[in-house]
Amino acid sequence: MSNIREHLKKVREKQSQKRTTNNRGENIWHSWKASSNKARFVGDFILTKTHYIGNNSKISNLALFEDAAFQGENRLSVVINCANWDIEKEEYKKNGPCLVCKLNKIAREVLKSNQPGEEDTITSEMRKEFADLKARTDNRSAYRWNILDRDNPDVAEGKAGFKITSLGQELFDQLSAIHDGYAPNDFTSVDLGLDISVKRTGGGDSKERVKYSAQPAMLDGKLCVTPLSDEEKAYEQHVLLGICGRQADQELLVSKLLEKWTSLIEAVKQNESAAATANNAGPSDDKKADSDETPEATESTDTKEATAEEDPF
């Protein structure tokens, strides 16, 4: 090709579009913009647990994967669903396969067995690294919901429709309070639902934590009840479980994990195997039961919302 620059630009544009659109070429992902937003929530939500595994985390500079792992044809998404979380049952699986949770559990156990004031078996540098590892591998709650974006309703040029938004715990709790206050009506109801005003502050150059506030939209001092129009009723709602419930390939994650973490997991596995051999039959039934209690990673209290750019689904 004579103009390689234009070819490269064209390919990158297609790749970028593929990451943010569905198979009909529609941009179905919603993100909360700075300042004011207005949205109409419709139907039920699903609760997912996610891990941020990208290398540009604001939590810690500790990397889990090489930068190259997020590039190319088989690149990893920077946000993945926790494979230990059963989205349909909304509960954690026992002995789930989540690679990130394995690292989280190792970090927790190391920190638990080396409390400050006790005789340390690890250096202060190692303690900091394991504390960073725990923070990097905690999961977050992400509530996925169909909405009508009142500020930017189009999902394609000249075509309006439902978008999928993601809420962190902070914003979800405020919507729950709105729901309770509007009872016995449902703020997501087709006929009696409400437009919701969401304000986002912080972040960006301010270096302040991103915060969200939500309240029902008002009109002339009264709640703004917004029945869906016949056109809006005809919009196809997204099947959230099918779109947002996809799991990352755990084998692919393992193949792209930094060698230091692969070695750590293998070393822990060998130590556990040696301990089990020394005890003849391994841990007792009581200890097995205890080990099955919390196979998941601890959950972060960070209320950061996932953005469309971070969303892998």
C-alpha atoms as a PDB file:
ATOM      1  CA  MET A   1       0.000   0.000   0.000  1.00  0.00           C
ATOM      2  CA  SER A   2       1.384   3.392  -0.991  1.00  0.00           C
ATOM      3  CA  ASN A   3       0.160   5.339   2.027  1.00  0.00           C
ATOM      4  CA  ILE A   4       0.958   3.217   5.072  1.00  0.00           C
ATOM      5  CA  ARG A   5       0.136   6.090   7.433  1.00  0.00           C
ATOM      6  CA  GLU A   6      -3.473   6.257   6.221  1.00  0.00           C
ATOM      7  CA  HIS A   7      -3.761   2.461   6.386  1.00  0.00           C
ATOM      8  CA  LEU A   8      -2.568   2.380   9.990  1.00  0.00           C
ATOM      9  CA  LYS A   9      -4.963   5.185  10.906  1.00  0.00           C
ATOM     10  CA  LYS A  10      -7.871   3.323   9.299  1.00  0.00           C
ATOM     11  CA  VAL A  11      -7.083   0.082  11.154  1.00  0.00           C
ATOM     12  CA  ARG A  12      -6.772   1.870  14.512  1.00  0.00           C
ATOM     13  CA  GLU A  13     -10.097   3.626  13.983  1.00  0.00           C
ATOM     14  CA  LYS A  14     -11.798   0.315  13.247  1.00  0.00           C
ATOM     15  CA  GLN A  15     -10.239  -1.282  16.338  1.00  0.00           C
ATOM     16  CA  SER A  16     -11.341   1.635  18.515  1.00  0.00           C
ATOM     17  CA  GLN A  17     -14.859   1.481  17.113  1.00  0.00           C
ATOM     18  CA  LYS A  18     -15.033  -2.274  17.710  1.00  0.00           C
ATOM     19  CA  ARG A  19     -14.202  -1.806  21.387  1.00  0.00           C
ATOM     20  CA  THR A  20     -17.039   0.689  21.965  1.00  0.00           C
ATOM     21  CA  THR A  21     -19.847  -0.565  19.719  1.00  0.00           C
ATOM     22  CA  ASN A  22     -22.059  -3.621  19.356  1.00  0.00           C
ATOM     23  CA  ASN A  23     -22.341  -5.781  16.252  1.00  0.00           C
ATOM     24  CA  ARG A  24     -24.771  -3.291  14.708  1.00  0.00           C
ATOM     25  CA  GLY A  25     -22.221  -0.510  14.920  1.00  0.00           C
ATOM     26  CA  GLU A  26     -24.057   1.220  17.770  1.00  0.00           C
ATOM     27  CA  ASN A  27     -22.261   2.936  20.618  1.00  0.00           C
ATOM     28  CA  ILE A  28     -24.164   1.368  23.495  1.00  0.00           C
ATOM     29  CA  TRP A  29     -21.857   2.367  26.360  1.00  0.00           C
ATOM     30  CA  HIS A  30     -22.665   5.316  28.573  1.00  0.00           C
ATOM     31  CA  SER A  31     -20.248   7.200  30.796  1.00  0.00           C
ATOM     32  CA  TRP A  32     -21.001   9.964  33.274  1.00  0.00           C
ATOM     33  CA  LYS A  33     -19.571  13.238  32.046  1.00  0.00           C
ATOM     34  CA  ALA A  34     -18.169  15.920  34.325  1.00  0.00           C
ATOM     35  CA  SER A  35     -20.778  18.218  35.840  1.00  0.00           C
ATOM     36  CA  SER A  36     -24.473  17.491  35.188  1.00  0.00           C
ATOM     37  CA  ASN A  37     -26.153  14.465  33.611  1.00  0.00           C
ATOM     38  CA  LYS A  38     -29.752  13.417  33.170  1.00  0.00           C
ATOM     39  CA  ALA A  39     -30.828   9.818  32.588  1.00  0.00           C
ATOM     40  CA  ARG A  40     -33.914   7.635  32.646  1.00  0.00           C
ATOM     41  CA  PHE A  41     -33.273   4.229  34.239  1.00  0.00           C
ATOM     42  CA  VAL A  42     -35.435   1.395  32.919  1.00  0.00           C
ATOM     43  CA  GLY A  43     -35.865  -2.198  34.062  1.00  0.00           C
ATOM     44  CA  ASP A  44     -33.705  -4.222  36.403  1.00  0.00           C
ATOM     45  CA  PHE A  45     -29.933  -4.102  36.913  1.00  0.00           C
ATOM     46  CA  ILE A  46     -27.261  -6.759  37.322  1.00  0.00           C
ATOM     47  CA  LEU A  47     -24.477  -6.703  39.896  1.00  0.00           C
ATOM     48  CA  THR A  48     -21.005  -7.582  38.669  1.00  0.00           C
ATOM     49  CA  LYS A  49     -17.693  -7.698  40.515  1.00  0.00           C
ATOM     50  CA  THR A  50     -14.764  -6.406  38.519  1.00  0.00           C
ATOM     51  CA  HIS A  51     -10.986  -6.175  38.685  1.00  0.00           C
ATOM     52  CA  TYR A  52      -9.009  -3.330  37.157  1.00  0.00           C
ATOM     53  CA  ILE A  53      -5.841  -4.960  35.829  1.00  0.00           C
ATOM     54  CA  GLY A  54      -4.457  -2.184  33.614  1.00  0.00           C
ATOM     55  CA  ASN A  55      -1.036  -0.737  34.327  1.00  0.00           C
ATOM     56  CA  ASN A  56      -2.219   2.865  34.684  1.00  0.00           C
ATOM     57  CA  SER A  57      -4.002   2.292  37.976  1.00  0.00           C
ATOM     58  CA  LYS A  58      -4.390   5.262  40.323  1.00  0.00           C
ATOM     59  CA  ILE A  59      -4.262   2.859  43.265  1.00  0.00           C
ATOM     60  CA  SER A  60      -0.702   1.650  42.809  1.00  0.00           C
ATOM     61  CA  ASN A  61       2.131   1.600  40.284  1.00  0.00           C
ATOM     62  CA  LEU A  62       2.489  -2.133  40.834  1.00  0.00           C
ATOM     63  CA  ALA A  63       2.078  -3.929  37.504  1.00  0.00           C
ATOM     64  CA  LEU A  64       0.452  -7.345  37.111  1.00  0.00           C
ATOM     65  CA  PHE A  65       1.053  -7.689  33.368  1.00  0.00           C
ATOM     66  CA  GLU A  66       3.476  -6.390  30.768  1.00  0.00           C
ATOM     67  CA  ASP A  67       2.287  -3.343  28.829  1.00  0.00           C
ATOM     68  CA  ALA A  68       2.287  -5.519  25.704  1.00  0.00           C
ATOM     69  CA  ALA A  69      -0.467  -7.665  27.250  1.00  0.00           C
ATOM     70  CA  PHE A  70      -2.942  -4.859  26.511  1.00  0.00           C
ATOM     71  CA  GLN A  71      -1.928  -4.513  22.886  1.00  0.00           C
ATOM     72  CA  GLY A  72      -2.424  -6.566  19.753  1.00  0.00           C
ATOM     73  CA  GLU A  73      -5.034  -9.050  18.600  1.00  0.00           C
ATOM     74  CA  ASN A  74      -5.280 -11.059  21.837  1.00  0.00           C
ATOM     75  CA  ARG A  75      -4.962  -8.037  24.117  1.00  0.00           C
ATOM     76  CA  LEU A  76      -6.412  -8.101  27.605  1.00  0.00           C
ATOM     77  CA  SER A  77      -9.164  -5.730  28.681  1.00  0.00           C
ATOM     78  CA  VAL A  78      -8.111  -3.419  31.483  1.00  0.00           C
ATOM     79  CA  VAL A  79     -11.324  -4.238  33.369  1.00  0.00           C
ATOM     80  CA  ILE A  80     -12.418  -7.854  33.741  1.00  0.00           C
ATOM     81  CA  ASN A  81     -15.219  -9.599  35.565  1.00  0.00           C
ATOM     82  CA  CYS A  82     -14.214 -11.490  38.694  1.00  0.00           C
ATOM     83  CA  ALA A  83     -14.435 -15.168  37.769  1.00  0.00           C
ATOM     84  CA  ASN A  84     -15.251 -16.031  41.387  1.00  0.00           C
ATOM     85  CA  TRP A  85     -18.513 -14.048  41.289  1.00  0.00           C
ATOM     86  CA  ASP A  86     -21.678 -15.790  40.113  1.00  0.00           C
ATOM     87  CA  ILE A  87     -23.638 -12.963  38.479  1.00  0.00           C
ATOM     88  CA  GLU A  88     -26.894 -14.911  38.193  1.00  0.00           C
ATOM     89  CA  LYS A  89     -26.913 -16.001  41.854  1.00  0.00           C
ATOM     90  CA  GLU A  90     -25.241 -12.793  43.082  1.00  0.00           C
ATOM     91  CA  GLU A  91     -22.870 -14.727  45.330  1.00  0.00           C
ATOM     92  CA  TYR A  92     -19.275 -15.886  45.359  1.00  0.00           C
ATOM     93  CA  LYS A  93     -18.332 -19.331  44.092  1.00  0.00           C
ATOM     94  CA  LYS A  94     -16.380 -21.635  46.354  1.00  0.00           C
ATOM     95  CA  ASN A  95     -12.909 -22.380  45.026  1.00  0.00           C
ATOM     96  CA  GLY A  96     -13.493 -20.159  42.013  1.00  0.00           C
ATOM     97  CA  PRO A  97     -10.903 -19.955  39.205  1.00  0.00           C
ATOM     98  CA  CYS A  98     -10.182 -16.186  39.335  1.00  0.00           C
ATOM     99  CA  LEU A  99      -6.457 -15.601  38.846  1.00  0.00           C
ATOM    100  CA  VAL A 100      -6.587 -12.075  40.283  1.00  0.00           C
ATOM    101  CA  CYS A 101      -8.342 -13.350  43.410  1.00  0.00           C
ATOM    102  CA  LYS A 102      -5.559 -15.919  43.885  1.00  0.00           C
ATOM    103  CA  LEU A 103      -3.034 -13.100  44.061  1.00  0.00           C
ATOM    104  CA  ASN A 104      -5.312 -11.168  46.415  1.00  0.00           C
ATOM    105  CA  LYS A 105      -5.630 -14.140  48.750  1.00  0.00           C
ATOM    106  CA  ILE A 106      -1.853 -14.632  48.822  1.00  0.00           C
ATOM    107  CA  ALA A 107      -1.328 -10.950  49.645  1.00  0.00           C
ATOM    108  CA  ARG A 108      -3.924 -11.068  52.451  1.00  0.00           C
ATOM    109  CA  GLU A 109      -2.385 -14.171  53.992  1.00  0.00           C
ATOM    110  CA  VAL A 110       1.144 -12.725  53.896  1.00  0.00           C
ATOM    111  CA  LEU A 111      -0.004  -9.478  55.511  1.00  0.00           C
ATOM    112  CA  LYS A 112      -2.120 -11.325  58.081  1.00  0.00           C
ATOM    113  CA  SER A 113       0.804 -13.495  59.169  1.00  0.00           C
ATOM    114  CA  ASN A 114       3.111 -10.478  59.444  1.00  0.00           C
ATOM    115  CA  GLN A 115       1.260  -7.944  61.562  1.00  0.00           C
ATOM    116  CA  PRO A 116       3.056  -4.743  62.636  1.00  0.00           C
ATOM    117  CA  GLY A 117       4.691  -5.171  66.048  1.00  0.00           C
ATOM    118  CA  GLU A 118       5.256  -8.877  65.563  1.00  0.00           C
ATOM    119  CA  GLU A 119       8.522 -10.452  64.539  1.00  0.00           C
ATOM    120  CA  ASP A 120       8.612  -9.899  60.808  1.00  0.00           C
ATOM    121  CA  THR A 121       9.516 -12.667  58.392  1.00  0.00           C
ATOM    122  CA  ILE A 122       9.420 -10.182  55.507  1.00  0.00           C
ATOM    123  CA  THR A 123      11.145  -6.849  54.945  1.00  0.00           C
ATOM    124  CA  SER A 124       9.345  -3.503  55.029  1.00  0.00           C
ATOM    125  CA  GLU A 125       9.773  -3.302  51.252  1.00  0.00           C
ATOM    126  CA  MET A 126       8.092  -6.681  50.828  1.00  0.00           C
ATOM    127  CA  ARG A 127       5.294  -5.631  53.174  1.00  0.00           C
ATOM    128  CA  LYS A 128       4.640  -2.557  51.044  1.00  0.00           C
ATOM    129  CA  GLU A 129       4.657  -4.637  47.867  1.00  0.00           C
ATOM    130  CA  PHE A 130       2.147  -7.124  49.258  1.00  0.00           C
ATOM    131  CA  ALA A 131      -0.034  -4.258  50.526  1.00  0.00           C
ATOM    132  CA  ASP A 132       0.072  -2.805  47.013  1.00  0.00           C
ATOM    133  CA  LEU A 133      -0.709  -6.226  45.555  1.00  0.00           C
ATOM    134  CA  LYS A 134      -3.758  -6.559  47.785  1.00  0.00           C
ATOM    135  CA  ALA A 135      -5.004  -3.095  46.810  1.00  0.00           C
ATOM    136  CA  ARG A 136      -4.406  -3.785  43.107  1.00  0.00           C
ATOM    137  CA  THR A 137      -6.321  -7.065  43.175  1.00  0.00           C
ATOM    138  CA  ASP A 138      -9.335  -6.077  45.282  1.00  0.00           C
ATOM    139  CA  ASN A 139     -12.585  -6.202  43.339  1.00  0.00           C
ATOM    140  CA  ARG A 140     -15.230  -3.527  42.932  1.00  0.00           C
ATOM    141  CA  SER A 141     -18.988  -3.662  42.614  1.00  0.00           C
ATOM    142  CA  ALA A 142     -20.287  -2.504  39.239  1.00  0.00           C
ATOM    143  CA  TYR A 143     -24.047  -2.235  38.791  1.00  0.00           C
ATOM    144  CA  ARG A 144     -25.061  -2.416  35.098  1.00  0.00           C
ATOM    145  CA  TRP A 145     -28.304  -0.781  33.986  1.00  0.00           C
ATOM    146  CA  ASN A 146     -30.203   0.129  30.830  1.00  0.00           C
ATOM    147  CA  ILE A 147     -30.728   3.873  30.579  1.00  0.00           C
ATOM    148  CA  LEU A 148     -31.968   6.521  28.196  1.00  0.00           C
ATOM    149  CA  ASP A 149     -29.317   9.225  28.050  1.00  0.00           C
ATOM    150  CA  ARG A 150     -31.330  12.453  28.042  1.00  0.00           C
ATOM    151  CA  ASP A 151     -28.246  14.538  27.172  1.00  0.00           C
ATOM    152  CA  ASN A 152     -27.044  12.384  24.292  1.00  0.00           C
ATOM    153  CA  PRO A 153     -29.783   9.901  23.325  1.00  0.00           C
ATOM    154  CA  ASP A 154     -28.268   8.629  20.071  1.00  0.00           C
ATOM    155  CA  VAL A 155     -26.516   5.255  19.860  1.00  0.00           C
ATOM    156  CA  ALA A 156     -25.830   5.840  16.160  1.00  0.00           C
ATOM    157  CA  GLU A 157     -26.201   8.822  13.886  1.00  0.00           C
ATOM    158  CA  GLY A 158     -29.856   9.816  13.956  1.00  0.00           C
ATOM    159  CA  LYS A 159     -30.846   6.760  15.982  1.00  0.00           C
ATOM    160  CA  ALA A 160     -31.747   6.912  19.676  1.00  0.00           C
ATOM    161  CA  GLY A 161     -31.839   3.900  21.988  1.00  0.00           C
ATOM    162  CA  PHE A 162     -30.864   2.381  25.295  1.00  0.00           C
ATOM    163  CA  LYS A 163     -27.305   2.583  26.563  1.00  0.00           C
ATOM    164  CA  ILE A 164     -25.641   0.547  29.285  1.00  0.00           C
ATOM    165  CA  THR A 165     -24.276   2.473  32.227  1.00  0.00           C
ATOM    166  CA  SER A 166     -22.108   1.320  35.116  1.00  0.00           C
ATOM    167  CA  LEU A 167     -22.579   2.492  38.696  1.00  0.00           C
ATOM    168  CA  GLY A 168     -20.227   2.187  41.624  1.00  0.00           C
ATOM    169  CA  GLN A 169     -21.456   1.647  45.158  1.00  0.00           C
ATOM    170  CA  GLU A 170     -21.716   5.351  45.995  1.00  0.00           C
ATOM    171  CA  LEU A 171     -24.093   6.167  43.148  1.00  0.00           C
ATOM    172  CA  PHE A 172     -26.049   2.927  43.543  1.00  0.00           C
ATOM    173  CA  ASP A 173     -26.717   3.681  47.216  1.00  0.00           C
ATOM    174  CA  GLN A 174     -28.148   7.076  46.275  1.00  0.00           C
ATOM    175  CA  LEU A 175     -30.428   5.512  43.663  1.00  0.00           C
ATOM    176  CA  SER A 176     -31.577   3.006  46.286  1.00  0.00           C
ATOM    177  CA  ALA A 177     -32.537   5.906  48.551  1.00  0.00           C
ATOM    178  CA  ILE A 178     -34.466   7.522  45.685  1.00  0.00           C
ATOM    179  CA  HIS A 179     -36.262   4.220  45.096  1.00  0.00           C
ATOM    180  CA  ASP A 180     -37.249   3.946  48.765  1.00  0.00           C
ATOM    181  CA  GLY A 181     -38.431   7.544  48.863  1.00  0.00           C
ATOM    182  CA  TYR A 182     -40.598   7.054  45.760  1.00  0.00           C
ATOM    183  CA  ALA A 183     -42.268   3.882  47.084  1.00  0.00           C
ATOM    184  CA  PRO A 184     -44.704   2.333  46.399  1.00  0.00           C
ATOM    185  CA  ASN A 185     -43.952   3.561  42.881  1.00  0.00           C
ATOM    186  CA  ASP A 186     -40.846   2.430  40.973  1.00  0.00           C
ATOM    187  CA  PHE A 187     -38.538   5.109  39.580  1.00  0.00           C
ATOM    188  CA  THR A 188     -37.642   2.742  36.695  1.00  0.00           C
ATOM    189  CA  SER A 189     -41.285   2.073  35.778  1.00  0.00           C
ATOM    190  CA  VAL A 190     -42.254   2.468  32.123  1.00  0.00           C
ATOM    191  CA  ASP A 191     -45.284   4.595  33.011  1.00  0.00           C
ATOM    192  CA  LEU A 192     -44.436   6.144  36.388  1.00  0.00           C
ATOM    193  CA  GLY A 193     -40.654   6.360  36.274  1.00  0.00           C
ATOM    194  CA  LEU A 194     -38.510   9.433  36.909  1.00  0.00           C
ATOM    195  CA  ASP A 195     -35.693  11.183  35.161  1.00  0.00           C
ATOM    196  CA  ILE A 196     -32.631  11.218  37.435  1.00  0.00           C
ATOM    197  CA  SER A 197     -30.139  14.075  37.629  1.00  0.00           C
ATOM    198  CA  VAL A 198     -26.583  12.921  38.331  1.00  0.00           C
ATOM    199  CA  LYS A 199     -23.753  15.297  39.131  1.00  0.00           C
ATOM    200  CA  ARG A 200     -20.131  14.268  38.851  1.00  0.00           C
ATOM    201  CA  THR A 201     -17.393  16.291  40.533  1.00  0.00           C
ATOM    202  CA  GLY A 202     -13.657  15.882  41.091  1.00  0.00           C
ATOM    203  CA  GLY A 203     -11.165  13.952  39.042  1.00  0.00           C
ATOM    204  CA  GLY A 204      -9.152  15.319  36.151  1.00  0.00           C
ATOM    205  CA  ASP A 205      -6.741  18.129  36.950  1.00  0.00           C
ATOM    206  CA  SER A 206      -8.332  18.728  40.354  1.00  0.00           C
ATOM    207  CA  LYS A 207      -6.750  15.540  41.745  1.00  0.00           C
ATOM    208  CA  GLU A 208      -9.798  15.227  43.992  1.00  0.00           C
ATOM    209  CA  ARG A 209     -11.675  11.952  44.331  1.00  0.00           C
ATOM    210  CA  VAL A 210     -14.482  11.629  41.822  1.00  0.00           C
ATOM    211  CA  LYS A 211     -17.815  11.997  43.609  1.00  0.00           C
ATOM    212  CA  TYR A 212     -21.382  11.472  42.445  1.00  0.00           C
ATOM    213  CA  SER A 213     -24.680  12.849  43.652  1.00  0.00           C
ATOM    214  CA  ALA A 214     -28.099  11.814  42.358  1.00  0.00           C
ATOM    215  CA  GLN A 215     -31.577  13.209  42.814  1.00  0.00           C
ATOM    216  CA  PRO A 216     -34.885  13.036  40.960  1.00  0.00           C
ATOM    217  CA  ALA A 217     -35.274  15.654  38.253  1.00  0.00           C
ATOM    218  CA  MET A 218     -37.782  18.349  39.224  1.00  0.00           C
ATOM    219  CA  LEU A 219     -40.245  20.387  37.169  1.00  0.00           C
ATOM    220  CA  ASP A 220     -41.977  23.417  38.715  1.00  0.00           C
ATOM    221  CA  GLY A 221     -41.010  22.154  42.159  1.00  0.00           C
ATOM    222  CA  LYS A 222     -42.512  18.698  41.595  1.00  0.00           C
ATOM    223  CA  LEU A 223     -41.066  15.305  40.710  1.00  0.00           C
ATOM    224  CA  CYS A 224     -40.604  15.018  36.977  1.00  0.00           C
ATOM    225  CA  VAL A 225     -42.540  11.833  36.122  1.00  0.00           C
ATOM    226  CA  THR A 226     -41.556  10.785  32.598  1.00  0.00           C
ATOM    227  CA  PRO A 227     -43.648   7.981  31.054  1.00  0.00           C
ATOM    228  CA  LEU A 228     -41.828   6.412  28.139  1.00  0.00           C
ATOM    229  CA  SER A 229     -43.138   7.473  24.756  1.00  0.00           C
ATOM    230  CA  ASP A 230     -44.396   4.853  22.317  1.00  0.00           C
ATOM    231  CA  GLU A 231     -41.131   5.271  20.424  1.00  0.00           C
ATOM    232  CA  GLU A 232     -39.045   4.734  23.572  1.00  0.00           C
ATOM    233  CA  LYS A 233     -41.103   1.681  24.530  1.00  0.00           C
ATOM    234  CA  ALA A 234     -40.178   0.172  21.173  1.00  0.00           C
ATOM    235  CA  TYR A 235     -36.421   0.489  21.829  1.00  0.00           C
ATOM    236  CA  GLU A 236     -34.721  -2.845  22.421  1.00  0.00           C
ATOM    237  CA  GLN A 237     -33.330  -3.167  25.941  1.00  0.00           C
ATOM    238  CA  HIS A 238     -29.910  -4.766  26.144  1.00  0.00           C
ATOM    239  CA  VAL A 239     -29.608  -8.235  27.668  1.00  0.00           C
ATOM    240  CA  LEU A 240     -27.267  -7.204  30.458  1.00  0.00           C
ATOM    241  CA  LEU A 241     -26.250 -10.678  31.557  1.00  0.00           C
ATOM    242  CA  GLY A 242     -25.267 -11.681  28.039  1.00  0.00           C
ATOM    243  CA  ILE A 243     -23.287  -8.510  27.365  1.00  0.00           C
ATOM    244  CA  CYS A 244     -21.825  -7.618  30.760  1.00  0.00           C
ATOM    245  CA  GLY A 245     -21.493 -11.130  32.173  1.00  0.00           C
ATOM    246  CA  ARG A 246     -18.706 -12.316  29.900  1.00  0.00           C
ATOM    247  CA  GLN A 247     -15.660 -13.787  31.581  1.00  0.00           C
ATOM    248  CA  ALA A 248     -12.035 -13.279  30.687  1.00  0.00           C
ATOM    249  CA  ASP A 249     -10.088 -16.314  29.496  1.00  0.00           C
ATOM    250  CA  GLN A 250      -8.204 -17.393  32.625  1.00  0.00           C
ATOM    251  CA  GLU A 251      -5.608 -19.305  30.607  1.00  0.00           C
ATOM    252  CA  LEU A 252      -4.918 -16.182  28.566  1.00  0.00           C
ATOM    253  CA  LEU A 253      -4.508 -14.196  31.776  1.00  0.00           C
ATOM    254  CA  VAL A 254      -2.036 -16.744  33.126  1.00  0.00           C
ATOM    255  CA  SER A 255      -0.039 -16.667  29.892  1.00  0.00           C
ATOM    256  CA  LYS A 256       0.350 -12.882  30.090  1.00  0.00           C
ATOM    257  CA  LEU A 257       0.965 -12.599  33.845  1.00  0.00           C
ATOM    258  CA  LEU A 258       4.351 -11.218  34.886  1.00  0.00           C
ATOM    259  CA  GLU A 259       6.836 -13.967  35.723  1.00  0.00           C
ATOM    260  CA  LYS A 260       7.251 -12.757  39.325  1.00  0.00           C
ATOM    261  CA  TRP A 261       3.557 -13.366  40.029  1.00  0.00           C
ATOM    262  CA  THR A 262       3.475 -16.684  38.193  1.00  0.00           C
ATOM    263  CA  SER A 263       6.419 -17.821  40.306  1.00  0.00           C
ATOM    264  CA  LEU A 264       4.724 -16.589  43.486  1.00  0.00           C
ATOM    265  CA  ILE A 265       1.563 -18.568  42.767  1.00  0.00           C
ATOM    266  CA  GLU A 266       3.599 -21.676  41.956  1.00  0.00           C
ATOM    267  CA  ALA A 267       5.709 -21.303  45.128  1.00  0.00           C
ATOM    268  CA  VAL A 268       2.587 -21.008  47.304  1.00  0.00           C
ATOM    269  CA  LYS A 269       1.089 -24.039  45.564  1.00  0.00           C
ATOM    270  CA  GLN A 270       4.216 -26.091  46.241  1.00  0.00           C
ATOM    271  CA  ASN A 271       4.316 -24.995  49.893  1.00  0.00           C
ATOM    272  CA  GLU A 272       0.678 -25.979  50.362  1.00  0.00           C
ATOM    273  CA  SER A 273       1.326 -29.327  48.720  1.00  0.00           C
ATOM    274  CA  ALA A 274       4.351 -29.956  50.938  1.00  0.00           C
ATOM    275  CA  ALA A 275       2.372 -29.042  54.053  1.00  0.00           C
ATOM    276  CA  ALA A 276      -0.446 -31.364  53.001  1.00  0.00           C
ATOM    277  CA  THR A 277       2.033 -34.199  52.463  1.00  0.00           C
ATOM    278  CA  ALA A 278       3.582 -33.596  55.876  1.00  0.00           C
ATOM    279  CA  ASN A 279       0.157 -33.923  57.446  1.00  0.00           C
ATOM    280  CA  ASN A 280      -0.483 -37.154  55.541  1.00  0.00           C
ATOM    281  CA  ALA A 281      -3.967 -36.329  54.237  1.00  0.00           C
ATOM    282  CA  GLY A 282      -3.668 -32.560  54.047  1.00  0.00           C
ATOM    283  CA  PRO A 283      -5.839 -30.138  56.014  1.00  0.00           C
ATOM    284  CA  SER A 284      -8.639 -31.461  58.179  1.00  0.00           C
ATOM    285  CA  ASP A 285     -12.256 -31.192  57.095  1.00  0.00           C
ATOM    286  CA  ASP A 286     -12.684 -28.219  59.436  1.00  0.00           C
ATOM    287  CA  LYS A 287      -9.766 -26.385  57.839  1.00  0.00           C
ATOM    288  CA  LYS A 288     -11.056 -27.206  54.383  1.00  0.00           C
ATOM    289  CA  ALA A 289     -14.360 -25.701  55.321  1.00  0.00           C
ATOM    290  CA  ASP A 290     -12.616 -22.591  56.591  1.00  0.00           C
ATOM    291  CA  SER A 291     -10.582 -22.258  53.399  1.00  0.00           C
ATOM    292  CA  ASP A 292     -13.777 -22.406  51.347  1.00  0.00           C
ATOM    293  CA  GLU A 293     -15.391 -19.568  53.247  1.00  0.00           C
ATOM    294  CA  THR A 294     -13.777 -16.657  51.392  1.00  0.00           C
ATOM    295  CA  PRO A 295     -12.289 -17.705  48.053  1.00  0.00           C
ATOM    296  CA  GLU A 296     -12.977 -14.264  46.621  1.00  0.00           C
ATOM    297  CA  ALA A 297     -10.808 -11.169  46.718  1.00  0.00           C
ATOM    298  CA  THR A 298     -11.651  -8.518  49.237  1.00  0.00           C
ATOM    299  CA  GLU A 299     -13.796  -5.734  47.861  1.00  0.00           C
ATOM    300  CA  SER A 300     -12.422  -2.248  47.422  1.00  0.00           C
ATOM    301  CA  THR A 301     -14.289   0.645  49.016  1.00  0.00           C
ATOM    302  CA  ASP A 302     -13.257   2.821  46.076  1.00  0.00           C
ATOM    303  CA  THR A 303     -16.436   4.176  44.486  1.00  0.00           C
ATOM    304  CA  LYS A 304     -14.892   4.917  41.112  1.00  0.00           C
ATOM    305  CA  GLU A 305     -17.285   4.284  38.232  1.00  0.00           C
ATOM    306  CA  ALA A 306     -16.095   2.260  35.246  1.00  0.00           C
ATOM    307  CA  THR A 307     -15.910   4.396  32.127  1.00  0.00           C
ATOM    308  CA  ALA A 308     -16.821   3.324  28.644  1.00  0.00           C
ATOM    309  CA  GLU A 309     -13.132   3.349  27.707  1.00  0.00           C
ATOM    310  CA  GLU A 310     -12.327   0.926  30.525  1.00  0.00           C
ATOM    311  CA  ASP A 311     -15.287  -1.348  29.977  1.00  0.00           C
ATOM    312  CA  PRO A 312     -14.369  -4.625  28.250  1.00  0.00           C
ATOM    313  CA  PHE A 313     -17.834  -5.938  27.545  1.00  0.00           C
END
